[in-house]
Every structure is written in structure tokens, then in C-alpha cells.
Amino acid sequence: MEKYDYYYYVMAVHIIFVVSWMAGLFYSVRLFIYHTEAEGRNEPDRSILKTEYERMESKLWHIITTPAMVLTVLAGVGMVCKRPWLLSLPWFHVKLGFVVLLLIYHFICQNIMKQLKHGKCKMSSFKLRLWNEVATILLVAIVFTVVLKNAVDWIYGLVGLIIFAVVIMLAVKWYKHYRKKHDC
């Protein structure tokens, strides 16, 4: 590694903004859940909570989540510009596929936020809890693809990812039953 290789600085920036982007996505959907659950509250609590969640969602989305997504993508492009041969590697294509899915997830979340603001979101808090885990599954898939880089390992990784997804979904279902039982 060269002491001042531009690639490693851009990679560090890329990782920092991936972490920021993921944190923003995770927290945004958590706010969507609370926002949805506020619908079941009595007035004036419902109006106060909805107004506050809309404010928090908007600030988080426009100040942290979307800028972090843009900077993640720009840093990723910068890394590819410095090392264009990455585009010839099969594992990199798989990673880019997962990144495209994460970008789609990002824009669907943006649409959910707009629906909540206009009182038109049809997703229950339970469905939003499941939706929240999609980002986790994509993050795990991206990290394992980047670290393993091997087609044989991908098979084990895919099986592990499916098992991981099933465990997460079961945990969300268990939590739903727990909440009902304990009136949380």
C-alpha cells in the first residue's frame, strides 16, 4: 500500500458514509413505525406525535440519510475510477446488484415518508418492522460479498443469508406476540 494512495482515502470516506447511510435508514424506518403507531393515540397526543415524527423524519432524511447515500455513491464511483478493473470481477457485480437494491429501498422509504406525511400510508407497524429488516439483510449481503469474493463462499453465504433473514423475520413475529402479551 502506497502511503498516500488516493484509493484508500476514498475507501475510508466510502465506509464512513455507508455507516451513516445505514444508520439513517434504520432510524428512519423506526420513526415510521412510531409515526404509524401514533395513529392509534387519542387527541391531542396523536396530532402532537404525528407533527413531531414528521419533523424528525424530514430532518433525518434530508440532513443525514440522503446526503450520506449520495456521498456513499460518489465515493464508490471514485474508488472505481481509481481501480476500474474492479468492474471485471464477478463478486463486484453481485455487490453492485445488492447496492442497487439498497438504493431502491432508500427511495421506497422516501415514498413511505411522504405517504405518512399525507396520511396515506397503508403499512402497519408490523409490516414496517419487517420492512426495517430488509436493510439489515442487504447490509449483511453486501458485507459478506465484499469480504468473501468467492463463488463457492457465495453459496454458503446465500444459504446463511436466507437463514439469517428467516431468523430476523421470526424474531419480529415473536416480538409482535410479546408486545401483545405484555401491552408494550
N, C-alpha and C. Protein backbone atom coordinates (compact mmCIF):
# COMPACT_ATOMS: atom_id res chain seq x y z
N MET A 1 0.85 -1.18 0.00
CA MET A 1 0.00 0.00 0.00
C MET A 1 0.89 1.24 0.00
N GLU A 2 0.66 2.07 -0.99
CA GLU A 2 1.38 3.33 -1.01
C GLU A 2 0.89 4.20 0.14
N LYS A 3 1.81 4.97 0.70
CA LYS A 3 1.49 5.77 1.88
C LYS A 3 0.36 6.77 1.61
N TYR A 4 0.30 7.37 0.44
CA TYR A 4 -0.70 8.41 0.16
C TYR A 4 -1.58 8.04 -1.03
N ASP A 5 -1.94 6.78 -1.12
CA ASP A 5 -2.78 6.32 -2.22
C ASP A 5 -4.20 6.85 -2.06
N TYR A 6 -4.64 7.62 -3.03
CA TYR A 6 -5.97 8.25 -3.07
C TYR A 6 -7.07 7.23 -2.81
N TYR A 7 -6.92 6.02 -3.35
CA TYR A 7 -7.94 4.98 -3.23
C TYR A 7 -8.32 4.71 -1.77
N TYR A 8 -7.33 4.62 -0.90
CA TYR A 8 -7.60 4.28 0.50
C TYR A 8 -8.30 5.41 1.25
N TYR A 9 -8.01 6.63 0.88
CA TYR A 9 -8.73 7.76 1.48
C TYR A 9 -10.20 7.75 1.05
N VAL A 10 -10.41 7.48 -0.24
CA VAL A 10 -11.78 7.43 -0.75
C VAL A 10 -12.52 6.23 -0.15
N MET A 11 -11.83 5.10 0.02
CA MET A 11 -12.45 3.94 0.65
C MET A 11 -12.87 4.26 2.08
N ALA A 12 -12.02 4.96 2.82
CA ALA A 12 -12.36 5.35 4.19
C ALA A 12 -13.61 6.23 4.20
N VAL A 13 -13.67 7.20 3.29
CA VAL A 13 -14.85 8.07 3.19
C VAL A 13 -16.07 7.23 2.83
N HIS A 14 -15.90 6.30 1.90
CA HIS A 14 -16.99 5.42 1.49
C HIS A 14 -17.55 4.65 2.69
N ILE A 15 -16.69 4.05 3.47
CA ILE A 15 -17.12 3.28 4.64
C ILE A 15 -17.82 4.17 5.66
N ILE A 16 -17.27 5.33 5.91
CA ILE A 16 -17.88 6.26 6.87
C ILE A 16 -19.30 6.62 6.44
N PHE A 17 -19.50 6.92 5.17
CA PHE A 17 -20.83 7.32 4.72
C PHE A 17 -21.77 6.14 4.54
N VAL A 18 -21.25 4.94 4.30
CA VAL A 18 -22.10 3.75 4.32
C VAL A 18 -22.70 3.59 5.72
N VAL A 19 -21.85 3.73 6.74
CA VAL A 19 -22.32 3.62 8.13
C VAL A 19 -23.38 4.68 8.41
N SER A 20 -23.13 5.90 7.98
CA SER A 20 -24.09 7.00 8.20
C SER A 20 -25.40 6.75 7.46
N TRP A 21 -25.30 6.27 6.23
CA TRP A 21 -26.49 5.99 5.42
C TRP A 21 -27.33 4.90 6.08
N MET A 22 -26.67 3.82 6.48
CA MET A 22 -27.39 2.72 7.10
C MET A 22 -28.05 3.17 8.42
N ALA A 23 -27.33 3.94 9.20
CA ALA A 23 -27.90 4.45 10.46
C ALA A 23 -29.16 5.28 10.17
N GLY A 24 -29.08 6.12 9.14
CA GLY A 24 -30.23 6.93 8.75
C GLY A 24 -31.41 6.08 8.29
N LEU A 25 -31.13 5.05 7.50
CA LEU A 25 -32.21 4.17 7.05
C LEU A 25 -32.84 3.43 8.22
N PHE A 26 -32.00 2.89 9.10
CA PHE A 26 -32.53 2.14 10.25
C PHE A 26 -33.40 3.04 11.13
N TYR A 27 -32.91 4.23 11.42
CA TYR A 27 -33.65 5.12 12.32
C TYR A 27 -34.89 5.69 11.63
N SER A 28 -34.80 5.95 10.34
CA SER A 28 -35.97 6.48 9.61
C SER A 28 -37.14 5.51 9.70
N VAL A 29 -36.87 4.25 9.42
CA VAL A 29 -37.97 3.28 9.44
C VAL A 29 -38.49 3.10 10.87
N ARG A 30 -37.61 3.17 11.85
CA ARG A 30 -38.05 3.12 13.25
C ARG A 30 -39.00 4.29 13.54
N LEU A 31 -38.69 5.47 13.02
CA LEU A 31 -39.59 6.62 13.18
C LEU A 31 -40.91 6.38 12.45
N PHE A 32 -40.86 5.74 11.28
CA PHE A 32 -42.09 5.43 10.55
C PHE A 32 -42.99 4.52 11.40
N ILE A 33 -42.38 3.57 12.09
CA ILE A 33 -43.14 2.67 12.96
C ILE A 33 -43.84 3.46 14.05
N TYR A 34 -43.09 4.33 14.72
CA TYR A 34 -43.68 5.13 15.79
C TYR A 34 -44.75 6.07 15.26
N HIS A 35 -44.49 6.62 14.07
CA HIS A 35 -45.45 7.52 13.42
C HIS A 35 -46.77 6.78 13.17
N THR A 36 -46.66 5.57 12.63
CA THR A 36 -47.84 4.75 12.36
C THR A 36 -48.58 4.41 13.65
N GLU A 37 -47.83 4.08 14.69
CA GLU A 37 -48.45 3.72 15.96
C GLU A 37 -49.12 4.93 16.62
N ALA A 38 -48.67 6.13 16.29
CA ALA A 38 -49.29 7.35 16.84
C ALA A 38 -50.72 7.50 16.35
N GLU A 39 -51.05 6.89 15.22
CA GLU A 39 -52.42 6.95 14.69
C GLU A 39 -53.44 6.38 15.67
N GLY A 40 -53.00 5.45 16.49
CA GLY A 40 -53.90 4.82 17.43
C GLY A 40 -54.09 5.59 18.74
N ARG A 41 -53.41 6.70 18.85
CA ARG A 41 -53.49 7.51 20.08
C ARG A 41 -54.68 8.46 20.02
N ASN A 42 -55.11 8.90 21.18
CA ASN A 42 -56.18 9.89 21.27
C ASN A 42 -55.61 11.29 21.06
N GLU A 43 -56.49 12.20 20.66
CA GLU A 43 -56.11 13.61 20.54
C GLU A 43 -55.97 14.21 21.93
N PRO A 44 -55.09 15.14 22.18
CA PRO A 44 -54.22 15.82 21.23
C PRO A 44 -52.90 15.08 21.00
N ASP A 45 -52.69 13.94 21.71
CA ASP A 45 -51.43 13.21 21.58
C ASP A 45 -51.14 12.83 20.12
N ARG A 46 -52.17 12.36 19.42
CA ARG A 46 -51.97 11.91 18.03
C ARG A 46 -51.40 13.04 17.17
N SER A 47 -52.00 14.20 17.21
CA SER A 47 -51.54 15.33 16.39
C SER A 47 -50.15 15.79 16.78
N ILE A 48 -49.91 15.86 18.08
CA ILE A 48 -48.59 16.29 18.57
C ILE A 48 -47.52 15.31 18.11
N LEU A 49 -47.78 14.00 18.30
CA LEU A 49 -46.79 12.99 17.91
C LEU A 49 -46.57 12.98 16.40
N LYS A 50 -47.65 13.01 15.63
CA LYS A 50 -47.51 12.99 14.16
C LYS A 50 -46.69 14.18 13.68
N THR A 51 -46.96 15.35 14.22
CA THR A 51 -46.21 16.55 13.83
C THR A 51 -44.74 16.39 14.17
N GLU A 52 -44.46 15.88 15.35
CA GLU A 52 -43.07 15.71 15.77
C GLU A 52 -42.36 14.64 14.94
N TYR A 53 -43.04 13.52 14.67
CA TYR A 53 -42.41 12.48 13.84
C TYR A 53 -42.15 12.98 12.43
N GLU A 54 -43.07 13.73 11.87
CA GLU A 54 -42.85 14.29 10.53
C GLU A 54 -41.63 15.21 10.51
N ARG A 55 -41.49 16.03 11.54
CA ARG A 55 -40.34 16.93 11.64
C ARG A 55 -39.04 16.13 11.76
N MET A 56 -39.04 15.13 12.64
CA MET A 56 -37.84 14.31 12.85
C MET A 56 -37.48 13.53 11.59
N GLU A 57 -38.49 12.94 10.94
CA GLU A 57 -38.26 12.16 9.72
C GLU A 57 -37.65 13.04 8.63
N SER A 58 -38.23 14.22 8.45
CA SER A 58 -37.75 15.13 7.42
C SER A 58 -36.30 15.56 7.66
N LYS A 59 -36.01 15.95 8.88
CA LYS A 59 -34.63 16.38 9.19
C LYS A 59 -33.64 15.24 9.02
N LEU A 60 -33.97 14.07 9.56
CA LEU A 60 -33.09 12.92 9.43
C LEU A 60 -32.86 12.58 7.96
N TRP A 61 -33.94 12.58 7.19
CA TRP A 61 -33.85 12.19 5.78
C TRP A 61 -33.02 13.19 4.96
N HIS A 62 -33.31 14.48 5.15
CA HIS A 62 -32.67 15.49 4.30
C HIS A 62 -31.30 15.95 4.79
N ILE A 63 -31.02 15.78 6.07
CA ILE A 63 -29.74 16.26 6.61
C ILE A 63 -28.71 15.13 6.74
N ILE A 64 -29.18 13.89 6.97
CA ILE A 64 -28.25 12.78 7.18
C ILE A 64 -28.39 11.69 6.13
N THR A 65 -29.58 11.09 6.03
CA THR A 65 -29.73 9.86 5.24
C THR A 65 -29.44 10.07 3.76
N THR A 66 -30.10 11.01 3.13
CA THR A 66 -29.89 11.21 1.69
C THR A 66 -28.50 11.76 1.37
N PRO A 67 -27.98 12.75 2.10
CA PRO A 67 -26.60 13.17 1.82
C PRO A 67 -25.59 12.03 2.01
N ALA A 68 -25.80 11.19 3.01
CA ALA A 68 -24.88 10.06 3.23
C ALA A 68 -24.97 9.07 2.06
N MET A 69 -26.19 8.86 1.54
CA MET A 69 -26.34 7.98 0.38
C MET A 69 -25.60 8.54 -0.83
N VAL A 70 -25.77 9.84 -1.07
CA VAL A 70 -25.11 10.47 -2.21
C VAL A 70 -23.59 10.38 -2.06
N LEU A 71 -23.07 10.68 -0.88
CA LEU A 71 -21.62 10.62 -0.67
C LEU A 71 -21.09 9.19 -0.72
N THR A 72 -21.89 8.22 -0.29
CA THR A 72 -21.50 6.81 -0.42
C THR A 72 -21.34 6.46 -1.89
N VAL A 73 -22.32 6.82 -2.70
CA VAL A 73 -22.27 6.50 -4.13
C VAL A 73 -21.11 7.23 -4.80
N LEU A 74 -20.93 8.52 -4.49
CA LEU A 74 -19.82 9.27 -5.10
C LEU A 74 -18.46 8.68 -4.72
N ALA A 75 -18.30 8.31 -3.46
CA ALA A 75 -17.03 7.70 -3.04
C ALA A 75 -16.85 6.34 -3.73
N GLY A 76 -17.94 5.59 -3.88
CA GLY A 76 -17.86 4.31 -4.60
C GLY A 76 -17.43 4.51 -6.04
N VAL A 77 -18.00 5.51 -6.69
CA VAL A 77 -17.61 5.84 -8.07
C VAL A 77 -16.14 6.26 -8.10
N GLY A 78 -15.72 7.04 -7.11
CA GLY A 78 -14.31 7.44 -7.03
C GLY A 78 -13.38 6.24 -6.89
N MET A 79 -13.79 5.25 -6.13
CA MET A 79 -12.97 4.04 -5.97
C MET A 79 -12.86 3.29 -7.30
N VAL A 80 -13.99 3.20 -8.02
CA VAL A 80 -13.99 2.51 -9.31
C VAL A 80 -13.15 3.29 -10.33
N CYS A 81 -13.19 4.61 -10.27
CA CYS A 81 -12.36 5.42 -11.19
C CYS A 81 -10.87 5.16 -10.94
N LYS A 82 -10.52 4.99 -9.70
CA LYS A 82 -9.11 4.72 -9.36
C LYS A 82 -8.71 3.28 -9.70
N ARG A 83 -9.66 2.36 -9.56
CA ARG A 83 -9.40 0.94 -9.82
C ARG A 83 -10.48 0.38 -10.74
N PRO A 84 -10.48 0.76 -12.03
CA PRO A 84 -11.56 0.34 -12.94
C PRO A 84 -11.62 -1.17 -13.16
N TRP A 85 -10.54 -1.87 -12.90
CA TRP A 85 -10.54 -3.32 -13.06
C TRP A 85 -11.51 -4.01 -12.09
N LEU A 86 -11.96 -3.29 -11.06
CA LEU A 86 -12.97 -3.87 -10.15
C LEU A 86 -14.22 -4.28 -10.92
N LEU A 87 -14.54 -3.52 -11.98
CA LEU A 87 -15.73 -3.81 -12.77
C LEU A 87 -15.66 -5.14 -13.51
N SER A 88 -14.49 -5.74 -13.60
CA SER A 88 -14.35 -7.03 -14.28
C SER A 88 -14.49 -8.21 -13.33
N LEU A 89 -14.65 -7.94 -12.04
CA LEU A 89 -14.72 -9.02 -11.05
C LEU A 89 -16.17 -9.43 -10.79
N PRO A 90 -16.46 -10.73 -10.87
CA PRO A 90 -17.85 -11.20 -10.66
C PRO A 90 -18.43 -10.80 -9.30
N TRP A 91 -17.64 -10.89 -8.25
CA TRP A 91 -18.16 -10.54 -6.91
C TRP A 91 -18.57 -9.07 -6.86
N PHE A 92 -17.88 -8.23 -7.63
CA PHE A 92 -18.20 -6.81 -7.64
C PHE A 92 -19.56 -6.57 -8.29
N HIS A 93 -19.87 -7.36 -9.32
CA HIS A 93 -21.19 -7.26 -9.96
C HIS A 93 -22.29 -7.64 -8.97
N VAL A 94 -22.03 -8.68 -8.17
CA VAL A 94 -23.00 -9.09 -7.16
C VAL A 94 -23.19 -7.97 -6.14
N LYS A 95 -22.07 -7.38 -5.70
CA LYS A 95 -22.14 -6.27 -4.74
C LYS A 95 -22.96 -5.13 -5.33
N LEU A 96 -22.68 -4.76 -6.57
CA LEU A 96 -23.42 -3.67 -7.21
C LEU A 96 -24.91 -3.98 -7.31
N GLY A 97 -25.25 -5.25 -7.53
CA GLY A 97 -26.66 -5.65 -7.55
C GLY A 97 -27.33 -5.40 -6.21
N PHE A 98 -26.63 -5.76 -5.13
CA PHE A 98 -27.18 -5.50 -3.79
C PHE A 98 -27.26 -4.00 -3.51
N VAL A 99 -26.28 -3.25 -4.01
CA VAL A 99 -26.30 -1.80 -3.81
C VAL A 99 -27.49 -1.18 -4.54
N VAL A 100 -27.77 -1.66 -5.74
CA VAL A 100 -28.94 -1.17 -6.48
C VAL A 100 -30.21 -1.45 -5.67
N LEU A 101 -30.30 -2.65 -5.10
CA LEU A 101 -31.47 -2.97 -4.25
C LEU A 101 -31.55 -2.04 -3.05
N LEU A 102 -30.40 -1.70 -2.48
CA LEU A 102 -30.39 -0.78 -1.33
C LEU A 102 -30.82 0.63 -1.76
N LEU A 103 -30.43 1.04 -2.94
CA LEU A 103 -30.88 2.34 -3.47
C LEU A 103 -32.39 2.34 -3.70
N ILE A 104 -32.91 1.25 -4.23
CA ILE A 104 -34.36 1.12 -4.42
C ILE A 104 -35.05 1.19 -3.06
N TYR A 105 -34.50 0.48 -2.07
CA TYR A 105 -35.03 0.50 -0.71
C TYR A 105 -35.06 1.94 -0.17
N HIS A 106 -33.98 2.68 -0.40
CA HIS A 106 -33.89 4.07 0.04
C HIS A 106 -35.06 4.90 -0.51
N PHE A 107 -35.30 4.78 -1.82
CA PHE A 107 -36.34 5.60 -2.44
C PHE A 107 -37.75 5.13 -2.08
N ILE A 108 -37.91 3.84 -1.79
CA ILE A 108 -39.19 3.37 -1.28
C ILE A 108 -39.43 3.96 0.11
N CYS A 109 -38.38 4.01 0.94
CA CYS A 109 -38.51 4.63 2.26
C CYS A 109 -38.90 6.10 2.13
N GLN A 110 -38.32 6.78 1.16
CA GLN A 110 -38.66 8.19 0.94
C GLN A 110 -40.14 8.31 0.60
N ASN A 111 -40.64 7.39 -0.21
CA ASN A 111 -42.06 7.39 -0.58
C ASN A 111 -42.94 7.10 0.64
N ILE A 112 -42.51 6.18 1.50
CA ILE A 112 -43.26 5.88 2.73
C ILE A 112 -43.35 7.13 3.59
N MET A 113 -42.24 7.86 3.69
CA MET A 113 -42.22 9.09 4.49
C MET A 113 -43.24 10.09 3.94
N LYS A 114 -43.30 10.22 2.63
CA LYS A 114 -44.27 11.14 2.01
C LYS A 114 -45.70 10.67 2.26
N GLN A 115 -45.93 9.37 2.17
CA GLN A 115 -47.26 8.83 2.43
C GLN A 115 -47.68 9.10 3.87
N LEU A 116 -46.76 8.90 4.81
CA LEU A 116 -47.08 9.16 6.22
C LEU A 116 -47.44 10.63 6.42
N LYS A 117 -46.69 11.51 5.78
CA LYS A 117 -46.95 12.95 5.93
C LYS A 117 -48.36 13.31 5.46
N HIS A 118 -48.83 12.63 4.41
CA HIS A 118 -50.14 12.93 3.84
C HIS A 118 -51.23 11.99 4.36
N GLY A 119 -50.90 11.17 5.36
CA GLY A 119 -51.89 10.27 5.95
C GLY A 119 -52.35 9.16 5.03
N LYS A 120 -51.50 8.75 4.09
CA LYS A 120 -51.90 7.75 3.10
C LYS A 120 -51.09 6.46 3.16
N CYS A 121 -50.32 6.26 4.21
CA CYS A 121 -49.50 5.05 4.32
C CYS A 121 -50.39 3.89 4.76
N LYS A 122 -50.34 2.81 4.00
CA LYS A 122 -51.18 1.64 4.29
C LYS A 122 -50.41 0.55 5.06
N MET A 123 -49.13 0.78 5.32
CA MET A 123 -48.34 -0.24 6.01
C MET A 123 -48.58 -0.16 7.52
N SER A 124 -48.81 -1.31 8.12
CA SER A 124 -48.98 -1.37 9.57
C SER A 124 -47.61 -1.27 10.24
N SER A 125 -47.61 -1.06 11.53
CA SER A 125 -46.32 -1.01 12.23
C SER A 125 -45.61 -2.35 12.13
N PHE A 126 -46.36 -3.46 12.11
CA PHE A 126 -45.75 -4.78 11.95
C PHE A 126 -45.07 -4.91 10.59
N LYS A 127 -45.74 -4.49 9.53
CA LYS A 127 -45.14 -4.56 8.19
C LYS A 127 -43.91 -3.65 8.11
N LEU A 128 -43.97 -2.50 8.77
CA LEU A 128 -42.81 -1.61 8.79
C LEU A 128 -41.65 -2.25 9.57
N ARG A 129 -41.96 -3.00 10.62
CA ARG A 129 -40.90 -3.71 11.35
C ARG A 129 -40.22 -4.73 10.44
N LEU A 130 -41.02 -5.44 9.66
CA LEU A 130 -40.44 -6.38 8.69
C LEU A 130 -39.64 -5.63 7.63
N TRP A 131 -40.18 -4.52 7.15
CA TRP A 131 -39.51 -3.69 6.14
C TRP A 131 -38.15 -3.22 6.66
N ASN A 132 -38.10 -2.87 7.93
CA ASN A 132 -36.86 -2.39 8.54
C ASN A 132 -35.75 -3.44 8.42
N GLU A 133 -36.12 -4.71 8.44
CA GLU A 133 -35.11 -5.77 8.39
C GLU A 133 -34.56 -5.98 6.99
N VAL A 134 -35.24 -5.49 5.98
CA VAL A 134 -34.73 -5.62 4.61
C VAL A 134 -33.37 -4.92 4.49
N ALA A 135 -33.24 -3.74 5.11
CA ALA A 135 -31.96 -3.02 5.07
C ALA A 135 -30.87 -3.83 5.77
N THR A 136 -31.22 -4.49 6.85
CA THR A 136 -30.24 -5.33 7.56
C THR A 136 -29.78 -6.47 6.68
N ILE A 137 -30.73 -7.11 6.02
CA ILE A 137 -30.39 -8.24 5.14
C ILE A 137 -29.50 -7.77 3.99
N LEU A 138 -29.82 -6.64 3.39
CA LEU A 138 -28.99 -6.11 2.30
C LEU A 138 -27.59 -5.74 2.80
N LEU A 139 -27.51 -5.14 3.97
CA LEU A 139 -26.20 -4.79 4.54
C LEU A 139 -25.36 -6.05 4.75
N VAL A 140 -25.95 -7.07 5.33
CA VAL A 140 -25.23 -8.33 5.56
C VAL A 140 -24.77 -8.92 4.22
N ALA A 141 -25.66 -8.92 3.23
CA ALA A 141 -25.31 -9.46 1.91
C ALA A 141 -24.15 -8.70 1.28
N ILE A 142 -24.17 -7.39 1.37
CA ILE A 142 -23.10 -6.57 0.78
C ILE A 142 -21.77 -6.84 1.49
N VAL A 143 -21.79 -6.84 2.80
CA VAL A 143 -20.54 -7.04 3.56
C VAL A 143 -19.97 -8.43 3.27
N PHE A 144 -20.80 -9.47 3.30
CA PHE A 144 -20.28 -10.81 3.03
C PHE A 144 -19.77 -10.95 1.61
N THR A 145 -20.43 -10.33 0.65
CA THR A 145 -19.97 -10.38 -0.74
C THR A 145 -18.60 -9.71 -0.87
N VAL A 146 -18.43 -8.56 -0.26
CA VAL A 146 -17.16 -7.84 -0.36
C VAL A 146 -16.04 -8.61 0.34
N VAL A 147 -16.34 -9.19 1.48
CA VAL A 147 -15.30 -9.88 2.25
C VAL A 147 -14.96 -11.23 1.63
N LEU A 148 -15.97 -12.01 1.19
CA LEU A 148 -15.71 -13.37 0.71
C LEU A 148 -15.19 -13.42 -0.71
N LYS A 149 -15.78 -12.66 -1.62
CA LYS A 149 -15.32 -12.54 -3.01
C LYS A 149 -15.17 -13.87 -3.77
N ASN A 150 -15.79 -14.93 -3.33
CA ASN A 150 -15.58 -16.24 -3.93
C ASN A 150 -16.94 -16.88 -4.19
N ALA A 151 -17.11 -17.44 -5.40
CA ALA A 151 -18.41 -18.01 -5.78
C ALA A 151 -18.81 -19.17 -4.87
N VAL A 152 -17.88 -20.02 -4.47
CA VAL A 152 -18.21 -21.13 -3.57
C VAL A 152 -18.68 -20.58 -2.23
N ASP A 153 -17.99 -19.56 -1.75
CA ASP A 153 -18.40 -18.93 -0.50
C ASP A 153 -19.75 -18.24 -0.63
N TRP A 154 -20.08 -17.78 -1.85
CA TRP A 154 -21.38 -17.14 -2.06
C TRP A 154 -22.52 -18.11 -1.80
N ILE A 155 -22.32 -19.38 -2.21
CA ILE A 155 -23.37 -20.38 -1.99
C ILE A 155 -23.63 -20.52 -0.49
N TYR A 156 -22.56 -20.68 0.27
CA TYR A 156 -22.71 -20.75 1.73
C TYR A 156 -23.26 -19.43 2.27
N GLY A 157 -22.78 -18.35 1.71
CA GLY A 157 -23.26 -17.03 2.13
C GLY A 157 -24.74 -16.85 1.84
N LEU A 158 -25.19 -17.31 0.67
CA LEU A 158 -26.60 -17.20 0.31
C LEU A 158 -27.47 -18.04 1.24
N VAL A 159 -27.03 -19.26 1.52
CA VAL A 159 -27.76 -20.12 2.46
C VAL A 159 -27.80 -19.44 3.83
N GLY A 160 -26.64 -18.91 4.26
CA GLY A 160 -26.58 -18.21 5.54
C GLY A 160 -27.48 -16.98 5.55
N LEU A 161 -27.51 -16.26 4.42
CA LEU A 161 -28.35 -15.06 4.31
C LEU A 161 -29.83 -15.42 4.42
N ILE A 162 -30.22 -16.51 3.78
CA ILE A 162 -31.62 -16.96 3.85
C ILE A 162 -31.96 -17.35 5.29
N ILE A 163 -31.07 -18.08 5.93
CA ILE A 163 -31.30 -18.46 7.33
C ILE A 163 -31.37 -17.22 8.20
N PHE A 164 -30.46 -16.27 7.98
CA PHE A 164 -30.44 -15.01 8.72
C PHE A 164 -31.76 -14.26 8.54
N ALA A 165 -32.24 -14.18 7.29
CA ALA A 165 -33.49 -13.48 7.00
C ALA A 165 -34.66 -14.16 7.71
N VAL A 166 -34.70 -15.49 7.69
CA VAL A 166 -35.78 -16.22 8.36
C VAL A 166 -35.73 -15.97 9.87
N VAL A 167 -34.54 -16.01 10.45
CA VAL A 167 -34.40 -15.76 11.89
C VAL A 167 -34.87 -14.36 12.24
N ILE A 168 -34.49 -13.36 11.44
CA ILE A 168 -34.92 -11.99 11.71
C ILE A 168 -36.43 -11.87 11.62
N MET A 169 -37.02 -12.44 10.59
CA MET A 169 -38.48 -12.35 10.44
C MET A 169 -39.19 -13.06 11.59
N LEU A 170 -38.67 -14.21 12.02
CA LEU A 170 -39.26 -14.91 13.17
C LEU A 170 -39.13 -14.06 14.44
N ALA A 171 -37.99 -13.39 14.59
CA ALA A 171 -37.79 -12.53 15.76
C ALA A 171 -38.79 -11.38 15.76
N VAL A 172 -39.07 -10.81 14.60
CA VAL A 172 -40.04 -9.73 14.52
C VAL A 172 -41.43 -10.25 14.87
N LYS A 173 -41.78 -11.44 14.37
CA LYS A 173 -43.08 -12.03 14.71
C LYS A 173 -43.16 -12.33 16.21
N TRP A 174 -42.09 -12.87 16.78
CA TRP A 174 -42.08 -13.15 18.22
C TRP A 174 -42.27 -11.86 19.00
N TYR A 175 -41.59 -10.80 18.59
CA TYR A 175 -41.70 -9.52 19.28
C TYR A 175 -43.14 -8.99 19.21
N LYS A 176 -43.79 -9.20 18.08
CA LYS A 176 -45.18 -8.76 17.94
C LYS A 176 -46.05 -9.47 18.98
N HIS A 177 -45.87 -10.77 19.11
CA HIS A 177 -46.64 -11.53 20.11
C HIS A 177 -46.26 -11.10 21.53
N TYR A 178 -45.01 -10.86 21.76
CA TYR A 178 -44.54 -10.39 23.07
C TYR A 178 -45.19 -9.07 23.44
N ARG A 179 -45.22 -8.14 22.48
CA ARG A 179 -45.84 -6.83 22.70
C ARG A 179 -47.32 -6.96 23.03
N LYS A 180 -48.01 -7.84 22.31
CA LYS A 180 -49.43 -8.03 22.58
C LYS A 180 -49.65 -8.61 23.98
N LYS A 181 -48.82 -9.56 24.33
CA LYS A 181 -48.95 -10.23 25.61
C LYS A 181 -48.64 -9.29 26.79
N HIS A 182 -47.66 -8.42 26.60
CA HIS A 182 -47.22 -7.53 27.67
C HIS A 182 -47.70 -6.09 27.51
N ASP A 183 -48.54 -5.84 26.50
CA ASP A 183 -49.09 -4.50 26.26
C ASP A 183 -48.02 -3.42 26.23
N CYS A 184 -46.93 -3.66 25.46
CA CYS A 184 -45.83 -2.67 25.36
C CYS A 184 -46.21 -1.56 24.41
